[in-house]
Amino acid sequence: MSFPYRDETRELNDLTRKDLSGSFIELPGGVTHYELSNPEKENTVILVHGFSVPYFIYDPTFEFLTGSGFRVVRYDLFGRGFSDRPDTRYNIDLFVTQLRDLAVALRFTRPVNLVGLSTGGPITAAFTARFPEQVNKLVLIDPIGARILALSRILKVAAMPMVGEAIIDLVGRVGMVTNIASLFDRALVEHFRARYIAQMRYRGFRRGILSTIRNGMLDSFLEIYERVGKMDKPVLLFWGRNDPTVPFKHSDDLRAAMPNLELHVIENCGHIPHYEKPEEVNPILLDFLRK
């Protein structure tokens, strides 16, 4: 039986999705919310978001790459945005399978370029390690998984069975958004606060978040990064110098695991450099993808 969160008052279904933007596709694991641009193009980029902010976190990147002539896909991970919230284990296998099923459903027959932000880092890296023939290039943006991520106080409590459910219910929407605010520039959080909260009204959001914490998605994925590092795959790494969530020093472990990667440090920048400073990130990203 699911915990009865007080402000999760809506169900995601065919009826409620009629009023939502974007597209929806039925995958074996559930319905996935996505957006596809330039469907006639063949050079494909798939954008995989992070821990809890859904695909709108890629607004500047999606628009830029679309205008640059790429076929671009961004989608909501299960449990986030307007994708289904299955009652299951939210682990690396679930998210890699969702990515694979989406690529199959959209009939991508040629290798794609993957971009993984934060938690999207180990997802895209694990996909590359499992299906190397399906990946052309890999881009990582302040990825987690080089080391075990140090949890904030609220996330430590959330990891405790039953206690976490009660605490996260008491914290409510405002408290959760305030906690997320610690990850990003304050002005940016204010900009997309309402868009973030919209996903929290639908049943299953907090269950998915708690399951993600409890099923190892904030642990080390260094072995996976090392496997990718042994492949002949171009890898681009962005890191905000002042990232408070995944400290810049974690990049040392990642560079050791993938010695041939191309690193670009974005100065005076936090956890989402592609969003905070697209004018710096986008030209580098475009050059890497076009090489």
Protein backbone atom coordinates (compact mmCIF):
# COMPACT_ATOMS: atom_id res chain seq x y z
CA MET A 1 0.00 0.00 0.00
CA SER A 2 1.37 3.43 -1.01
CA PHE A 3 1.93 6.15 1.57
CA PRO A 4 -0.96 8.68 1.34
CA TYR A 5 0.90 11.92 0.62
CA ARG A 6 -1.46 14.80 1.30
CA ASP A 7 -0.74 16.99 -1.71
CA GLU A 8 -0.39 14.25 -4.35
CA THR A 9 -3.99 14.64 -5.44
CA ARG A 10 -3.93 13.83 -9.16
CA GLU A 11 -3.46 10.70 -11.26
CA LEU A 12 -1.40 10.57 -14.43
CA ASN A 13 -3.61 8.97 -17.07
CA ASP A 14 -4.84 9.53 -20.62
CA LEU A 15 -7.38 12.08 -19.44
CA THR A 16 -5.05 14.25 -17.35
CA ARG A 17 -2.29 14.10 -19.96
CA LYS A 18 -4.54 15.75 -22.57
CA ASP A 19 -3.84 19.11 -20.93
CA LEU A 20 -0.07 18.62 -20.79
CA SER A 21 2.46 19.70 -23.41
CA GLY A 22 4.87 17.32 -25.11
CA SER A 23 4.33 13.81 -26.43
CA PHE A 24 3.67 10.50 -24.72
CA ILE A 25 4.65 7.00 -25.72
CA GLU A 26 3.79 3.63 -24.19
CA LEU A 27 6.94 1.67 -23.29
CA PRO A 28 7.10 -1.75 -21.61
CA GLY A 29 7.86 -0.07 -18.28
CA GLY A 30 5.16 2.58 -18.58
CA VAL A 31 4.19 5.76 -20.41
CA THR A 32 7.09 8.15 -21.04
CA HIS A 33 6.74 11.90 -21.56
CA TYR A 34 9.11 13.22 -24.22
CA GLU A 35 9.77 15.87 -26.84
CA LEU A 36 11.30 15.23 -30.26
CA SER A 37 12.58 17.85 -32.70
CA ASN A 38 13.77 17.56 -36.31
CA PRO A 39 12.42 14.00 -36.72
CA GLU A 40 13.63 13.89 -40.31
CA LYS A 41 17.28 14.29 -39.29
CA GLU A 42 19.60 11.35 -38.58
CA ASN A 43 22.22 12.83 -36.26
CA THR A 44 20.49 12.24 -32.94
CA VAL A 45 21.12 13.64 -29.46
CA ILE A 46 19.25 12.23 -26.45
CA LEU A 47 19.19 14.41 -23.32
CA VAL A 48 18.87 12.61 -19.96
CA HIS A 49 18.08 14.82 -16.97
CA GLY A 50 19.13 14.45 -13.34
CA PHE A 51 17.75 13.42 -9.98
CA SER A 52 14.39 15.20 -9.81
CA VAL A 53 14.15 18.18 -12.18
CA PRO A 54 12.41 16.89 -15.34
CA TYR A 55 13.24 17.53 -18.96
CA PHE A 56 12.67 21.29 -18.92
CA ILE A 57 16.11 21.55 -17.30
CA TYR A 58 17.39 21.14 -20.87
CA ASP A 59 15.46 24.11 -22.33
CA PRO A 60 18.56 26.03 -23.54
CA THR A 61 20.30 22.88 -24.84
CA PHE A 62 17.24 21.50 -26.63
CA GLU A 63 16.56 24.77 -28.41
CA PHE A 64 20.19 25.27 -29.38
CA LEU A 65 20.80 21.77 -30.74
CA THR A 66 17.49 21.80 -32.58
CA GLY A 67 18.46 25.08 -34.26
CA SER A 68 21.86 23.57 -35.10
CA GLY A 69 20.23 20.82 -37.16
CA PHE A 70 20.26 17.84 -34.81
CA ARG A 71 17.39 15.50 -34.11
CA VAL A 72 16.97 16.02 -30.38
CA VAL A 73 15.05 14.02 -27.80
CA ARG A 74 14.47 14.92 -24.18
CA TYR A 75 12.27 12.89 -21.87
CA ASP A 76 11.21 12.51 -18.25
CA LEU A 77 12.68 9.63 -16.29
CA PHE A 78 10.13 7.36 -14.64
CA GLY A 79 8.85 8.95 -11.45
CA ARG A 80 9.55 12.48 -12.68
CA GLY A 81 7.81 15.07 -14.76
CA PHE A 82 4.82 13.56 -16.50
CA SER A 83 6.17 10.06 -17.11
CA ASP A 84 4.57 7.15 -15.27
CA ARG A 85 5.47 6.44 -11.64
CA PRO A 86 5.52 2.61 -11.52
CA ASP A 87 5.59 0.97 -8.11
CA THR A 88 8.97 -0.67 -8.57
CA ARG A 89 12.67 -0.34 -7.72
CA TYR A 90 14.05 2.91 -9.13
CA ASN A 91 17.56 1.67 -9.88
CA ILE A 92 20.08 1.89 -12.70
CA ASP A 93 18.49 -1.05 -14.54
CA LEU A 94 15.10 0.65 -14.64
CA PHE A 95 16.48 3.86 -16.10
CA VAL A 96 18.81 2.21 -18.63
CA THR A 97 15.95 0.01 -19.80
CA GLN A 98 13.69 3.05 -20.19
CA LEU A 99 16.32 4.77 -22.35
CA ARG A 100 16.79 1.66 -24.49
CA ASP A 101 13.04 1.14 -24.91
CA LEU A 102 12.54 4.77 -25.89
CA ALA A 103 15.24 4.60 -28.56
CA VAL A 104 13.69 1.41 -29.94
CA ALA A 105 10.16 2.84 -29.88
CA LEU A 106 11.31 5.96 -31.75
CA ARG A 107 13.05 3.70 -34.29
CA PHE A 108 16.55 5.09 -33.93
CA THR A 109 18.56 2.67 -36.04
CA ARG A 110 21.86 4.54 -36.03
CA PRO A 111 24.14 5.25 -33.05
CA VAL A 112 23.04 8.24 -30.98
CA ASN A 113 24.83 10.88 -28.95
CA LEU A 114 23.96 10.85 -25.25
CA VAL A 115 24.01 13.77 -22.83
CA GLY A 116 23.67 12.95 -19.13
CA LEU A 117 23.25 15.57 -16.39
CA SER A 118 23.96 14.67 -12.75
CA THR A 119 22.07 11.39 -12.16
CA GLY A 120 21.77 11.16 -15.93
CA GLY A 121 25.55 10.65 -15.94
CA PRO A 122 25.60 7.06 -14.67
CA ILE A 123 22.45 6.30 -16.69
CA THR A 124 24.04 7.33 -19.98
CA ALA A 125 27.39 5.77 -19.03
CA ALA A 126 25.72 2.46 -18.10
CA PHE A 127 23.77 2.51 -21.36
CA THR A 128 27.03 3.07 -23.25
CA ALA A 129 28.73 0.23 -21.39
CA ARG A 130 25.86 -2.19 -22.12
CA PHE A 131 25.08 -1.13 -25.69
CA PRO A 132 28.31 0.36 -27.08
CA GLU A 133 27.24 -0.21 -30.67
CA GLN A 134 24.26 2.12 -30.12
CA VAL A 135 26.29 5.10 -28.89
CA ASN A 136 28.37 7.49 -30.93
CA LYS A 137 29.51 10.09 -28.36
CA LEU A 138 28.90 10.68 -24.66
CA VAL A 139 28.56 14.04 -22.90
CA LEU A 140 28.53 14.24 -19.09
CA ILE A 141 27.47 17.35 -17.15
CA ASP A 142 28.46 17.43 -13.46
CA PRO A 143 27.72 13.70 -13.23
CA ILE A 144 27.24 11.84 -9.99
CA GLY A 145 28.84 8.45 -9.41
CA ALA A 146 32.56 9.16 -9.42
CA ARG A 147 32.24 8.86 -5.64
CA ILE A 148 29.36 8.11 -3.30
CA LEU A 149 27.41 11.33 -3.05
CA ALA A 150 27.29 12.95 0.37
CA LEU A 151 23.60 13.24 1.24
CA SER A 152 22.01 16.33 2.71
CA ARG A 153 20.29 15.94 6.07
CA ILE A 154 16.85 15.59 4.53
CA LEU A 155 18.03 12.94 2.05
CA LYS A 156 19.67 10.96 4.84
CA VAL A 157 16.39 10.90 6.71
CA ALA A 158 14.49 10.07 3.52
CA ALA A 159 16.61 6.95 3.07
CA MET A 160 15.19 5.49 6.29
CA PRO A 161 12.20 3.16 5.69
CA MET A 162 8.84 4.63 6.81
CA VAL A 163 10.57 7.50 8.59
CA GLY A 164 11.44 8.93 5.19
CA GLU A 165 7.84 8.75 4.01
CA ALA A 166 6.58 10.63 7.04
CA ILE A 167 9.28 13.30 6.91
CA ILE A 168 8.96 13.97 3.21
CA ASP A 169 5.21 14.32 3.64
CA LEU A 170 5.66 16.85 6.44
CA VAL A 171 8.21 18.80 4.42
CA GLY A 172 5.68 19.22 1.60
CA ARG A 173 6.14 20.89 -1.77
CA VAL A 174 7.70 24.11 -0.53
CA GLY A 175 10.23 22.29 1.61
CA MET A 176 11.27 19.97 -1.21
CA VAL A 177 11.68 22.84 -3.65
CA THR A 178 13.70 24.74 -1.05
CA ASN A 179 15.98 21.71 -0.69
CA ILE A 180 16.37 21.52 -4.48
CA ALA A 181 17.19 25.24 -4.44
CA SER A 182 20.46 24.42 -2.70
CA LEU A 183 21.58 22.70 -5.90
CA PHE A 184 21.23 25.66 -8.22
CA ASP A 185 21.55 29.40 -8.53
CA ARG A 186 18.71 31.01 -6.56
CA ALA A 187 17.56 33.15 -9.48
CA LEU A 188 17.24 30.06 -11.65
CA VAL A 189 15.22 28.19 -9.05
CA GLU A 190 12.76 31.06 -8.83
CA HIS A 191 12.48 30.96 -12.62
CA PHE A 192 11.31 27.34 -12.76
CA ARG A 193 9.79 26.84 -9.30
CA ALA A 194 6.22 26.55 -10.61
CA ARG A 195 7.29 24.14 -13.34
CA TYR A 196 9.04 21.92 -10.81
CA ILE A 197 6.08 21.87 -8.43
CA ALA A 198 3.67 20.86 -11.22
CA GLN A 199 5.04 17.29 -11.25
CA MET A 200 4.61 16.95 -7.49
CA ARG A 201 0.81 17.05 -7.67
CA TYR A 202 0.65 13.62 -9.29
CA ARG A 203 0.64 10.46 -7.21
CA GLY A 204 3.87 8.49 -7.10
CA PHE A 205 6.38 11.36 -7.26
CA ARG A 206 7.70 11.08 -3.71
CA ARG A 207 7.60 7.27 -3.82
CA GLY A 208 9.83 7.41 -6.90
CA ILE A 209 12.23 9.87 -5.29
CA LEU A 210 12.57 7.77 -2.13
CA SER A 211 13.03 4.58 -4.12
CA THR A 212 15.76 6.25 -6.18
CA ILE A 213 17.67 7.15 -3.01
CA ARG A 214 17.19 3.70 -1.50
CA ASN A 215 18.21 1.77 -4.60
CA GLY A 216 21.71 3.06 -5.04
CA MET A 217 21.32 5.85 -7.57
CA LEU A 218 23.45 8.19 -5.45
CA ASP A 219 26.20 5.59 -4.91
CA SER A 220 29.47 5.17 -6.79
CA PHE A 221 29.36 4.08 -10.43
CA LEU A 222 33.10 4.34 -10.92
CA GLU A 223 33.34 0.81 -12.32
CA ILE A 224 30.91 1.72 -15.09
CA TYR A 225 32.85 4.88 -15.92
CA GLU A 226 36.03 2.80 -16.06
CA ARG A 227 34.40 0.41 -18.54
CA VAL A 228 33.46 3.32 -20.77
CA GLY A 229 36.98 4.70 -20.39
CA LYS A 230 38.37 1.55 -21.98
CA MET A 231 36.20 1.99 -25.05
CA ASP A 232 37.01 3.97 -28.16
CA LYS A 233 34.26 6.49 -27.42
CA PRO A 234 34.65 10.28 -27.47
CA VAL A 235 33.60 11.64 -24.07
CA LEU A 236 33.06 15.31 -23.20
CA LEU A 237 32.84 16.40 -19.56
CA PHE A 238 31.50 19.72 -18.28
CA TRP A 239 31.86 20.71 -14.64
CA GLY A 240 30.83 23.85 -12.79
CA ARG A 241 33.75 24.95 -10.68
CA ASN A 242 31.50 25.89 -7.76
CA ASP A 243 29.11 22.93 -7.86
CA PRO A 244 27.78 22.49 -4.30
CA THR A 245 26.08 19.18 -5.08
CA VAL A 246 28.75 17.15 -6.85
CA PRO A 247 32.01 18.87 -5.86
CA PHE A 248 34.54 19.64 -8.57
CA LYS A 249 37.13 17.41 -6.86
CA HIS A 250 35.03 14.40 -7.98
CA SER A 251 36.20 15.16 -11.51
CA ASP A 252 39.66 13.85 -10.55
CA ASP A 253 38.22 10.34 -10.15
CA LEU A 254 36.35 10.60 -13.42
CA ARG A 255 39.41 11.73 -15.35
CA ALA A 256 41.36 8.80 -13.91
CA ALA A 257 38.58 6.43 -14.97
CA MET A 258 38.31 7.93 -18.46
CA PRO A 259 41.78 9.33 -19.23
CA ASN A 260 40.90 10.31 -22.80
CA LEU A 261 37.90 12.46 -21.98
CA GLU A 262 37.76 16.14 -22.89
CA LEU A 263 37.18 18.29 -19.78
CA HIS A 264 35.80 21.83 -19.76
CA VAL A 265 35.54 23.61 -16.43
CA ILE A 266 32.93 26.36 -16.32
CA GLU A 267 34.08 29.04 -13.91
CA ASN A 268 31.80 30.83 -11.43
CA CYS A 269 29.16 28.20 -12.06
CA GLY A 270 27.22 25.61 -10.07
CA HIS A 271 25.58 22.26 -10.78
CA ILE A 272 23.88 23.01 -14.11
CA PRO A 273 26.40 24.82 -16.34
CA HIS A 274 24.41 24.17 -19.51
CA TYR A 275 21.49 26.09 -17.93
CA GLU A 276 23.45 28.72 -16.01
CA LYS A 277 25.91 29.57 -18.78
CA PRO A 278 24.62 28.25 -22.13
CA GLU A 279 26.61 30.91 -23.99
CA GLU A 280 29.80 29.15 -22.84
CA VAL A 281 28.65 25.54 -22.94
CA ASN A 282 26.75 25.45 -26.24
CA PRO A 283 29.64 26.30 -28.61
CA ILE A 284 31.84 23.66 -26.96
CA LEU A 285 29.05 21.08 -27.15
CA LEU A 286 28.38 21.84 -30.80
CA ASP A 287 32.04 21.57 -31.75
CA PHE A 288 32.33 18.22 -29.97
CA LEU A 289 29.23 16.79 -31.66
CA ARG A 290 30.28 17.98 -35.11
CA LYS A 291 33.86 16.70 -34.96
